[in-house]
Amino acid sequence: CISVGVFLITLFVLPRIRKTALKFNLMDSPNQRSSHDTVVPTFGGVAFYITLVFTLFITQLLDTNDITISLLVSLTIIFFVGLKDDFHELSPKMKFLGQVVTVLILMSQPEFLVYSLHGFFGIQEIHPIISIIFSSFLFLSFINAFNLIDGIDGFASITGIVIAGSYGLLFHSIGNYYFLAICVAVISMLFAFLRFNFSSKKKIFMGDTGSLLIGTILGILTMKLLSLGGESY
C-alpha cells in the first residue's frame, strides 16, 4: 500500500515540479561531472521531500520509539539546505553547517548512536561522548559521499535502490517494520524518479535537494542498523 502510494505521488508531483522549473528557468547547467550536454530542469528532490513526509505520516503508528518528529525536523532542515543550494549555490561552510545541525538533531536519539564496535579493531564498548562524535562523523560522511555520486543519469537513484533494498531485507528479518516501510518508500520513490531521469523529453534531475535528502534518509537507515549490532540479525 505504501509502495503504491509513494510511487503514484512521485509520478504525479515530478511533472509539475518540472513544469515550474521550466517556467522560472531553474536549470542545471552541464559541468565536467555531468552526463548531459544541455541544461535540464532540476529540483526533483522536492518530490522526494513530499513523499517522505507522506511516508512518515502514514507509518508513525509503527513508530514505537517516538522518533518521527526528529526525522521530520532533520529532513526539513536538510531539504531547505539543498533547496537553497539549488536556487543559489551555498558556500561549503554553510552547507556543512546545515548538515551538522541535521545530524545533531538525529544524534539526540539513542536509536542512531553506535555504542559498540563488537570487537572490530579490538574495540567493544564506546564512551557515550566518543559515540556521539564517531556516529556523527559516520553520518556526515555518508551524506556527503552520496551527494558526490550524483552526476550521472540514474547512478545515485540506482545506488539508493540497491542500498534501501538491502537494508529492507535486514529490517524485515528483525521485524522492524517502521524502518522497513521507509526502505520500501525510498525504493518506490526512486523507481518513479528514474522514469523521468532517463527520459529524453521529460528529463529532470534530483538536484542537491534530492541527493542530500536521499543521503540523509539512507544515513538514518545505516546508523539504525549499526546501532543494533550484529547480534540482532
Protein backbone atom coordinates (compact mmCIF):
# COMPACT_ATOMS: atom_id res chain seq x y z
CA CYS A 1 0.00 0.00 0.00
CA ILE A 2 2.78 2.43 0.97
CA SER A 3 4.79 1.38 -2.07
CA VAL A 4 1.94 2.10 -4.50
CA GLY A 5 1.02 5.37 -2.78
CA VAL A 6 4.58 6.71 -2.79
CA PHE A 7 5.13 5.64 -6.40
CA LEU A 8 1.95 7.37 -7.61
CA ILE A 9 2.58 10.55 -5.60
CA THR A 10 6.09 10.83 -7.03
CA LEU A 11 4.81 10.26 -10.57
CA PHE A 12 2.13 12.91 -10.03
CA VAL A 13 4.38 15.56 -8.45
CA LEU A 14 7.52 15.33 -10.62
CA PRO A 15 5.97 16.61 -13.91
CA ARG A 16 4.51 19.60 -12.06
CA ILE A 17 7.85 20.40 -10.48
CA ARG A 18 9.48 20.10 -13.89
CA LYS A 19 6.91 22.48 -15.40
CA THR A 20 7.55 25.01 -12.63
CA ALA A 21 11.33 24.70 -13.08
CA LEU A 22 10.96 25.37 -16.81
CA LYS A 23 8.70 28.34 -16.17
CA PHE A 24 11.17 30.03 -13.83
CA ASN A 25 14.27 28.84 -15.73
CA LEU A 26 15.54 26.74 -12.81
CA MET A 27 18.03 24.66 -14.75
CA ASP A 28 21.14 22.59 -14.14
CA SER A 29 23.99 23.51 -16.46
CA PRO A 30 26.43 20.76 -17.54
CA ASN A 31 29.90 20.55 -15.99
CA GLN A 32 32.83 18.12 -16.05
CA ARG A 33 30.93 15.62 -13.82
CA SER A 34 27.70 15.72 -15.83
CA SER A 35 26.41 13.10 -18.27
CA HIS A 36 24.30 15.69 -20.15
CA ASP A 37 25.39 18.44 -22.53
CA THR A 38 22.31 20.68 -22.33
CA VAL A 39 20.55 22.46 -19.49
CA VAL A 40 18.00 20.29 -17.63
CA PRO A 41 15.30 21.19 -15.07
CA THR A 42 16.31 20.36 -11.52
CA PHE A 43 14.51 20.32 -8.12
CA GLY A 44 13.29 16.72 -8.41
CA GLY A 45 14.21 16.47 -4.73
CA VAL A 46 11.11 18.50 -3.87
CA ALA A 47 9.04 15.44 -4.81
CA PHE A 48 11.23 13.32 -2.53
CA TYR A 49 10.50 15.59 0.42
CA ILE A 50 6.75 15.47 -0.20
CA THR A 51 6.73 11.68 -0.44
CA LEU A 52 8.96 11.24 2.61
CA VAL A 53 6.65 13.43 4.70
CA PHE A 54 3.70 11.37 3.45
CA THR A 55 5.54 8.16 4.37
CA LEU A 56 6.39 9.30 7.89
CA PHE A 57 2.81 10.48 8.44
CA ILE A 58 1.43 7.09 7.38
CA THR A 59 3.99 4.96 9.23
CA GLN A 60 4.01 6.84 12.54
CA LEU A 61 1.69 4.19 14.01
CA LEU A 62 4.62 1.77 13.68
CA ASP A 63 6.97 4.18 15.48
CA THR A 64 7.36 2.61 18.92
CA ASN A 65 10.24 4.90 19.97
CA ASP A 66 8.74 8.30 19.08
CA ILE A 67 11.40 9.33 16.57
CA THR A 68 9.12 10.50 13.75
CA ILE A 69 9.22 14.17 14.84
CA SER A 70 13.04 14.12 14.92
CA LEU A 71 13.10 12.59 11.45
CA LEU A 72 10.69 15.21 10.11
CA VAL A 73 12.65 18.10 11.62
CA SER A 74 16.01 16.83 10.36
CA LEU A 75 14.70 16.07 6.86
CA THR A 76 13.08 19.50 6.70
CA ILE A 77 16.35 21.23 7.61
CA ILE A 78 18.39 19.31 5.03
CA PHE A 79 15.62 19.88 2.48
CA PHE A 80 15.90 23.66 2.81
CA VAL A 81 19.71 23.46 2.75
CA GLY A 82 19.54 21.58 -0.56
CA LEU A 83 16.80 23.84 -1.91
CA LYS A 84 18.81 26.95 -1.15
CA ASP A 85 21.88 25.37 -2.76
CA ASP A 86 19.89 24.56 -5.91
CA PHE A 87 18.49 28.10 -6.13
CA HIS A 88 21.74 29.86 -5.35
CA GLU A 89 24.87 27.84 -4.58
CA LEU A 90 25.66 27.85 -0.87
CA SER A 91 29.19 28.23 0.43
CA PRO A 92 30.73 24.92 1.58
CA LYS A 93 30.74 26.21 5.17
CA MET A 94 27.01 26.99 5.22
CA LYS A 95 26.16 23.72 3.50
CA PHE A 96 28.23 21.77 6.02
CA LEU A 97 26.69 23.72 8.91
CA GLY A 98 23.21 22.68 7.74
CA GLN A 99 24.35 19.07 7.60
CA VAL A 100 25.82 19.27 11.10
CA VAL A 101 22.59 20.68 12.55
CA THR A 102 20.62 17.92 10.79
CA VAL A 103 22.89 15.20 12.18
CA LEU A 104 22.99 16.60 15.71
CA ILE A 105 19.19 16.56 15.88
CA LEU A 106 19.25 12.89 14.95
CA MET A 107 22.08 12.18 17.38
CA SER A 108 19.75 13.26 20.18
CA GLN A 109 18.04 9.92 19.56
CA PRO A 110 19.82 6.84 21.02
CA GLU A 111 18.37 4.94 18.03
CA PHE A 112 21.19 6.23 15.84
CA LEU A 113 24.21 6.08 18.15
CA VAL A 114 26.86 3.39 17.83
CA TYR A 115 27.82 2.31 21.37
CA SER A 116 29.96 -0.69 20.46
CA LEU A 117 32.16 -1.95 17.61
CA HIS A 118 31.58 -5.54 18.79
CA GLY A 119 35.27 -6.43 18.76
CA PHE A 120 36.15 -4.71 15.47
CA PHE A 121 39.77 -3.49 15.84
CA GLY A 122 39.54 -4.99 19.32
CA ILE A 123 37.04 -2.32 20.41
CA GLN A 124 33.97 -3.25 22.41
CA GLU A 125 32.07 -0.53 24.30
CA ILE A 126 32.46 3.12 23.31
CA HIS A 127 32.23 6.04 25.74
CA PRO A 128 28.95 7.99 25.20
CA ILE A 129 30.73 11.20 24.19
CA ILE A 130 33.01 9.33 21.79
CA SER A 131 29.92 7.54 20.47
CA ILE A 132 28.25 10.84 19.56
CA ILE A 133 31.38 12.14 17.81
CA PHE A 134 32.00 8.84 15.99
CA SER A 135 28.37 8.39 14.96
CA SER A 136 28.12 12.00 13.74
CA PHE A 137 31.29 11.57 11.67
CA LEU A 138 29.94 8.41 10.04
CA PHE A 139 26.60 10.07 9.33
CA LEU A 140 28.13 13.18 7.78
CA SER A 141 30.48 11.06 5.69
CA PHE A 142 27.55 9.05 4.33
CA ILE A 143 25.54 12.16 3.41
CA ASN A 144 28.45 13.77 1.57
CA ALA A 145 29.51 10.55 -0.14
CA PHE A 146 26.02 10.11 -1.56
CA ASN A 147 25.84 13.77 -2.58
CA LEU A 148 29.10 13.40 -4.54
CA ILE A 149 27.93 10.42 -6.64
CA ASP A 150 25.03 12.38 -8.12
CA GLY A 151 26.23 13.41 -11.57
CA ILE A 152 25.42 10.56 -13.95
CA ASP A 153 21.85 9.76 -15.00
CA GLY A 154 20.38 7.09 -12.75
CA PHE A 155 23.57 6.38 -10.81
CA ALA A 156 22.53 7.92 -7.49
CA SER A 157 18.97 6.58 -7.81
CA ILE A 158 20.02 3.01 -8.61
CA THR A 159 22.61 3.10 -5.82
CA GLY A 160 19.88 4.28 -3.44
CA ILE A 161 17.54 1.50 -4.59
CA VAL A 162 20.21 -1.16 -4.01
CA ILE A 163 21.09 0.16 -0.55
CA ALA A 164 17.46 0.60 0.54
CA GLY A 165 16.59 -2.86 -0.82
CA SER A 166 19.44 -4.49 1.10
CA TYR A 167 18.53 -2.65 4.28
CA GLY A 168 14.87 -3.53 3.81
CA LEU A 169 15.72 -7.24 3.86
CA LEU A 170 17.65 -6.76 7.11
CA PHE A 171 14.86 -4.79 8.77
CA HIS A 172 12.34 -7.41 7.66
CA SER A 173 14.49 -10.18 9.14
CA ILE A 174 14.48 -8.50 12.57
CA GLY A 175 10.82 -7.48 12.41
CA ASN A 176 11.40 -3.72 12.40
CA TYR A 177 8.50 -2.71 10.16
CA TYR A 178 8.81 1.04 10.74
CA PHE A 179 12.20 1.24 9.06
CA LEU A 180 11.19 -1.43 6.56
CA ALA A 181 8.34 0.84 5.43
CA ILE A 182 10.83 3.71 4.97
CA CYS A 183 13.04 1.44 2.84
CA VAL A 184 10.07 0.45 0.67
CA ALA A 185 9.09 4.11 0.26
CA VAL A 186 12.62 5.09 -0.81
CA ILE A 187 12.71 2.29 -3.39
CA SER A 188 9.29 3.23 -4.82
CA MET A 189 10.15 6.90 -4.91
CA LEU A 190 13.45 6.36 -6.74
CA PHE A 191 11.90 3.96 -9.26
CA ALA A 192 9.31 6.63 -10.10
CA PHE A 193 12.06 9.24 -10.41
CA LEU A 194 14.02 7.06 -12.86
CA ARG A 195 11.07 7.26 -15.23
CA PHE A 196 11.86 10.97 -15.68
CA ASN A 197 15.60 10.93 -15.07
CA PHE A 198 16.15 8.60 -18.05
CA SER A 199 13.61 10.36 -20.26
CA SER A 200 14.85 12.37 -23.21
CA LYS A 201 11.78 14.62 -23.38
CA LYS A 202 10.74 14.90 -19.71
CA LYS A 203 14.14 14.71 -18.02
CA ILE A 204 14.56 16.16 -14.55
CA PHE A 205 17.39 15.94 -12.02
CA MET A 206 17.05 15.45 -8.27
CA GLY A 207 19.49 18.29 -7.60
CA ASP A 208 21.26 18.83 -4.29
CA THR A 209 17.82 18.91 -2.67
CA GLY A 210 17.28 15.30 -3.71
CA SER A 211 20.79 13.95 -3.18
CA LEU A 212 21.03 15.45 0.32
CA LEU A 213 17.58 14.14 1.26
CA ILE A 214 18.28 10.62 -0.03
CA GLY A 215 21.74 10.66 1.52
CA THR A 216 20.23 11.67 4.86
CA ILE A 217 17.45 9.07 4.84
CA LEU A 218 19.90 6.33 3.83
CA GLY A 219 22.25 7.60 6.53
CA ILE A 220 19.42 7.26 9.06
CA LEU A 221 18.84 3.66 7.97
CA THR A 222 22.57 2.92 8.09
CA MET A 223 23.03 4.32 11.59
CA LYS A 224 19.98 2.43 12.83
CA LEU A 225 21.44 -0.86 11.61
CA LEU A 226 24.89 -0.06 13.01
CA SER A 227 23.39 0.83 16.38
CA LEU A 228 21.67 -2.56 16.60
CA GLY A 229 24.84 -4.63 16.39
CA GLY A 230 25.46 -7.98 14.75
CA GLU A 231 23.53 -9.96 17.34
CA SER A 232 20.25 -8.54 16.02
CA TYR A 233 20.48 -10.23 12.62
